[in-house]
Amino acid sequence: MFAKAVAVSLLTLASASVFAAECSVTVESTDQMSYTTKEFTVDKSCKEFTVKLTHSGSLPKNVMGHNLVISKTADMQGIATEGMSKGLENDYLNAANAGIIAHTKMIGAPEKETEVKFDTSKLEAGGDYSFFCTFPGHISMMKGKVIVK
């Protein structure tokens, strides 16, 4: 009887880890004004989600800085345009903008990574969300989709 209980417990633990949601993603940014990821998925079973932004380039942030901002797709351009007037010292971002769901700080060489954790209750399954960089001019190439399940 004890052996059966142990076997059932082990199977339960194993199946839970197989079906556990991935509650984080790493997105790489480069000196070629690009993210290496074009989309990522946020599972609503995660209460909190972490986005790690890495920088593989050698250019400093005043030349080729990158951040990662998540918002509704309809709010992207307005957030980026408003952020240009805020300057590098504010990561080209008005952090008080209500359309911003989450954002990292701006990084560039020698910085290699930054991350942001956010509450997934800010997202609706099936909603139209994107991620993008607010460094001036980067949004044209540095953007992707956030899929919420």
C-alpha atoms as a PDB file:
ATOM      1  CA  MET A   1       0.000   0.000   0.000  1.00  0.00           C
ATOM      2  CA  PHE A   2       2.825   2.368   0.909  1.00  0.00           C
ATOM      3  CA  ALA A   3       4.552   1.686  -2.427  1.00  0.00           C
ATOM      4  CA  LYS A   4       1.352   2.537  -4.338  1.00  0.00           C
ATOM      5  CA  ALA A   5       0.981   5.805  -2.422  1.00  0.00           C
ATOM      6  CA  VAL A   6       4.580   6.767  -3.193  1.00  0.00           C
ATOM      7  CA  ALA A   7       4.138   5.870  -6.867  1.00  0.00           C
ATOM      8  CA  VAL A   8       0.942   7.946  -7.144  1.00  0.00           C
ATOM      9  CA  SER A   9       2.638  10.876  -5.401  1.00  0.00           C
ATOM     10  CA  LEU A  10       5.621  10.743  -7.741  1.00  0.00           C
ATOM     11  CA  LEU A  11       3.406  10.549 -10.822  1.00  0.00           C
ATOM     12  CA  THR A  12       1.364  13.509  -9.595  1.00  0.00           C
ATOM     13  CA  LEU A  13       4.500  15.585  -9.038  1.00  0.00           C
ATOM     14  CA  ALA A  14       5.936  14.604 -12.414  1.00  0.00           C
ATOM     15  CA  SER A  15       2.751  15.450 -14.310  1.00  0.00           C
ATOM     16  CA  ALA A  16       2.438  18.796 -12.490  1.00  0.00           C
ATOM     17  CA  SER A  17       5.905  19.826 -13.617  1.00  0.00           C
ATOM     18  CA  VAL A  18       5.184  18.769 -17.207  1.00  0.00           C
ATOM     19  CA  PHE A  19       2.041  20.913 -17.309  1.00  0.00           C
ATOM     20  CA  ALA A  20       3.373  23.843 -15.271  1.00  0.00           C
ATOM     21  CA  ALA A  21       3.225  27.137 -17.126  1.00  0.00           C
ATOM     22  CA  GLU A  22       6.412  28.912 -18.097  1.00  0.00           C
ATOM     23  CA  CYS A  23       6.179  32.231 -16.256  1.00  0.00           C
ATOM     24  CA  SER A  24       9.215  33.973 -17.755  1.00  0.00           C
ATOM     25  CA  VAL A  25      10.898  34.747 -21.046  1.00  0.00           C
ATOM     26  CA  THR A  26      14.301  36.054 -22.106  1.00  0.00           C
ATOM     27  CA  VAL A  27      14.464  38.450 -25.050  1.00  0.00           C
ATOM     28  CA  GLU A  28      17.859  39.329 -26.539  1.00  0.00           C
ATOM     29  CA  SER A  29      18.580  42.751 -28.046  1.00  0.00           C
ATOM     30  CA  THR A  30      21.431  43.444 -30.462  1.00  0.00           C
ATOM     31  CA  ASP A  31      23.468  46.289 -31.963  1.00  0.00           C
ATOM     32  CA  GLN A  32      21.609  45.597 -35.232  1.00  0.00           C
ATOM     33  CA  MET A  33      18.535  47.315 -33.739  1.00  0.00           C
ATOM     34  CA  SER A  34      16.650  44.058 -33.268  1.00  0.00           C
ATOM     35  CA  TYR A  35      15.160  41.647 -30.789  1.00  0.00           C
ATOM     36  CA  THR A  36      15.909  37.992 -31.469  1.00  0.00           C
ATOM     37  CA  THR A  37      12.351  37.124 -30.357  1.00  0.00           C
ATOM     38  CA  LYS A  38       9.320  38.111 -32.430  1.00  0.00           C
ATOM     39  CA  GLU A  39       6.656  36.872 -30.005  1.00  0.00           C
ATOM     40  CA  PHE A  40       6.216  35.301 -26.600  1.00  0.00           C
ATOM     41  CA  THR A  41       3.300  33.810 -24.705  1.00  0.00           C
ATOM     42  CA  VAL A  42       2.044  34.756 -21.256  1.00  0.00           C
ATOM     43  CA  ASP A  43       0.007  32.026 -19.604  1.00  0.00           C
ATOM     44  CA  LYS A  44      -2.780  33.469 -17.434  1.00  0.00           C
ATOM     45  CA  SER A  45      -2.210  30.659 -14.927  1.00  0.00           C
ATOM     46  CA  CYS A  46       0.946  32.587 -13.967  1.00  0.00           C
ATOM     47  CA  LYS A  47       0.119  35.184 -11.334  1.00  0.00           C
ATOM     48  CA  GLU A  48       3.349  37.029 -12.135  1.00  0.00           C
ATOM     49  CA  PHE A  49       5.408  37.020 -15.337  1.00  0.00           C
ATOM     50  CA  THR A  50       9.088  37.960 -15.728  1.00  0.00           C
ATOM     51  CA  VAL A  51      10.669  39.383 -18.857  1.00  0.00           C
ATOM     52  CA  LYS A  52      14.466  39.405 -18.936  1.00  0.00           C
ATOM     53  CA  LEU A  53      16.019  41.658 -21.567  1.00  0.00           C
ATOM     54  CA  THR A  54      19.611  40.895 -22.511  1.00  0.00           C
ATOM     55  CA  HIS A  55      21.998  42.951 -24.629  1.00  0.00           C
ATOM     56  CA  SER A  56      24.624  41.155 -26.707  1.00  0.00           C
ATOM     57  CA  GLY A  57      26.029  44.236 -28.421  1.00  0.00           C
ATOM     58  CA  SER A  58      29.028  46.448 -27.703  1.00  0.00           C
ATOM     59  CA  LEU A  59      27.495  49.883 -28.318  1.00  0.00           C
ATOM     60  CA  PRO A  60      26.572  52.026 -25.274  1.00  0.00           C
ATOM     61  CA  LYS A  61      22.974  52.926 -24.483  1.00  0.00           C
ATOM     62  CA  ASN A  62      23.317  56.551 -25.624  1.00  0.00           C
ATOM     63  CA  VAL A  63      24.047  55.194 -29.140  1.00  0.00           C
ATOM     64  CA  MET A  64      22.134  51.883 -29.288  1.00  0.00           C
ATOM     65  CA  GLY A  65      20.146  51.574 -26.070  1.00  0.00           C
ATOM     66  CA  HIS A  66      17.255  49.151 -25.765  1.00  0.00           C
ATOM     67  CA  ASN A  67      14.384  48.602 -23.388  1.00  0.00           C
ATOM     68  CA  LEU A  68      11.280  46.453 -23.603  1.00  0.00           C
ATOM     69  CA  VAL A  69       7.829  47.925 -23.062  1.00  0.00           C
ATOM     70  CA  ILE A  70       4.570  45.955 -23.051  1.00  0.00           C
ATOM     71  CA  SER A  71       1.269  47.621 -23.915  1.00  0.00           C
ATOM     72  CA  LYS A  72      -1.868  47.144 -25.942  1.00  0.00           C
ATOM     73  CA  THR A  73      -0.868  47.250 -29.598  1.00  0.00           C
ATOM     74  CA  ALA A  74      -3.076  50.312 -30.152  1.00  0.00           C
ATOM     75  CA  ASP A  75      -1.079  52.252 -27.506  1.00  0.00           C
ATOM     76  CA  MET A  76       2.435  51.456 -28.823  1.00  0.00           C
ATOM     77  CA  GLN A  77       3.091  54.424 -31.102  1.00  0.00           C
ATOM     78  CA  GLY A  78       1.691  56.976 -28.647  1.00  0.00           C
ATOM     79  CA  ILE A  79       3.883  55.623 -25.840  1.00  0.00           C
ATOM     80  CA  ALA A  80       6.998  55.683 -28.049  1.00  0.00           C
ATOM     81  CA  THR A  81       6.284  59.185 -29.418  1.00  0.00           C
ATOM     82  CA  GLU A  82       5.648  60.602 -25.943  1.00  0.00           C
ATOM     83  CA  GLY A  83       8.791  58.907 -24.633  1.00  0.00           C
ATOM     84  CA  MET A  84      11.105  60.650 -27.116  1.00  0.00           C
ATOM     85  CA  SER A  85      10.691  63.936 -25.229  1.00  0.00           C
ATOM     86  CA  LYS A  86      11.560  62.289 -21.897  1.00  0.00           C
ATOM     87  CA  GLY A  87      15.203  61.673 -22.839  1.00  0.00           C
ATOM     88  CA  LEU A  88      17.683  58.926 -22.120  1.00  0.00           C
ATOM     89  CA  GLU A  89      17.764  59.772 -18.404  1.00  0.00           C
ATOM     90  CA  ASN A  90      14.115  58.613 -18.270  1.00  0.00           C
ATOM     91  CA  ASP A  91      14.656  55.655 -20.624  1.00  0.00           C
ATOM     92  CA  TYR A  92      12.744  57.522 -23.360  1.00  0.00           C
ATOM     93  CA  LEU A  93       9.587  56.678 -21.456  1.00  0.00           C
ATOM     94  CA  ASN A  94       6.868  58.417 -19.487  1.00  0.00           C
ATOM     95  CA  ALA A  95       6.617  55.758 -16.796  1.00  0.00           C
ATOM     96  CA  ALA A  96       3.347  57.311 -15.577  1.00  0.00           C
ATOM     97  CA  ASN A  97       1.601  56.576 -18.889  1.00  0.00           C
ATOM     98  CA  ALA A  98      -1.396  54.400 -17.993  1.00  0.00           C
ATOM     99  CA  GLY A  99      -1.058  52.447 -21.251  1.00  0.00           C
ATOM    100  CA  ILE A 100       2.226  50.880 -20.141  1.00  0.00           C
ATOM    101  CA  ILE A 101       1.644  47.407 -18.705  1.00  0.00           C
ATOM    102  CA  ALA A 102       5.317  46.738 -17.912  1.00  0.00           C
ATOM    103  CA  HIS A 103       8.747  48.026 -18.917  1.00  0.00           C
ATOM    104  CA  THR A 104      12.417  47.408 -18.345  1.00  0.00           C
ATOM    105  CA  LYS A 105      15.032  50.090 -17.977  1.00  0.00           C
ATOM    106  CA  MET A 106      17.121  51.123 -20.989  1.00  0.00           C
ATOM    107  CA  ILE A 107      20.340  49.094 -21.331  1.00  0.00           C
ATOM    108  CA  GLY A 108      23.399  49.135 -23.574  1.00  0.00           C
ATOM    109  CA  ALA A 109      27.021  48.090 -23.285  1.00  0.00           C
ATOM    110  CA  PRO A 110      28.523  47.429 -20.816  1.00  0.00           C
ATOM    111  CA  GLU A 111      25.155  46.466 -19.248  1.00  0.00           C
ATOM    112  CA  LYS A 112      24.149  42.942 -20.194  1.00  0.00           C
ATOM    113  CA  GLU A 113      20.666  42.435 -18.734  1.00  0.00           C
ATOM    114  CA  THR A 114      17.666  43.854 -16.932  1.00  0.00           C
ATOM    115  CA  GLU A 115      14.290  42.411 -16.061  1.00  0.00           C
ATOM    116  CA  VAL A 116      10.773  43.332 -15.083  1.00  0.00           C
ATOM    117  CA  LYS A 117       8.135  41.309 -13.222  1.00  0.00           C
ATOM    118  CA  PHE A 118       4.501  42.196 -13.620  1.00  0.00           C
ATOM    119  CA  ASP A 119       1.082  41.037 -12.480  1.00  0.00           C
ATOM    120  CA  THR A 120      -0.642  39.093 -15.273  1.00  0.00           C
ATOM    121  CA  SER A 121      -4.052  40.369 -14.145  1.00  0.00           C
ATOM    122  CA  LYS A 122      -3.206  43.429 -16.284  1.00  0.00           C
ATOM    123  CA  LEU A 123      -3.632  41.235 -19.388  1.00  0.00           C
ATOM    124  CA  GLU A 124      -6.753  39.683 -20.894  1.00  0.00           C
ATOM    125  CA  ALA A 125      -6.636  36.321 -22.678  1.00  0.00           C
ATOM    126  CA  GLY A 126      -6.923  36.929 -26.409  1.00  0.00           C
ATOM    127  CA  GLY A 127      -6.119  40.644 -26.071  1.00  0.00           C
ATOM    128  CA  ASP A 128      -3.970  42.448 -28.650  1.00  0.00           C
ATOM    129  CA  TYR A 129      -0.634  43.207 -26.929  1.00  0.00           C
ATOM    130  CA  SER A 130       2.841  44.017 -28.183  1.00  0.00           C
ATOM    131  CA  PHE A 131       6.350  44.619 -26.897  1.00  0.00           C
ATOM    132  CA  PHE A 132       8.675  47.270 -28.299  1.00  0.00           C
ATOM    133  CA  CYS A 133      11.692  49.510 -27.711  1.00  0.00           C
ATOM    134  CA  THR A 134      11.209  53.240 -27.036  1.00  0.00           C
ATOM    135  CA  PHE A 135      14.720  54.392 -28.010  1.00  0.00           C
ATOM    136  CA  PRO A 136      13.989  56.995 -30.756  1.00  0.00           C
ATOM    137  CA  GLY A 137      13.396  55.301 -34.099  1.00  0.00           C
ATOM    138  CA  HIS A 138      13.716  51.745 -32.799  1.00  0.00           C
ATOM    139  CA  ILE A 139       9.997  50.915 -32.703  1.00  0.00           C
ATOM    140  CA  SER A 140       9.984  50.501 -36.485  1.00  0.00           C
ATOM    141  CA  MET A 141      12.139  47.356 -36.198  1.00  0.00           C
ATOM    142  CA  MET A 142      12.115  46.418 -32.525  1.00  0.00           C
ATOM    143  CA  LYS A 143       8.647  45.105 -31.838  1.00  0.00           C
ATOM    144  CA  GLY A 144       6.835  41.847 -31.381  1.00  0.00           C
ATOM    145  CA  LYS A 145       3.594  40.249 -30.199  1.00  0.00           C
ATOM    146  CA  VAL A 146       2.605  39.238 -26.692  1.00  0.00           C
ATOM    147  CA  ILE A 147       0.149  36.343 -26.842  1.00  0.00           C
ATOM    148  CA  VAL A 148      -2.021  35.849 -23.764  1.00  0.00           C
ATOM    149  CA  LYS A 149      -3.606  32.437 -23.154  1.00  0.00           C
END
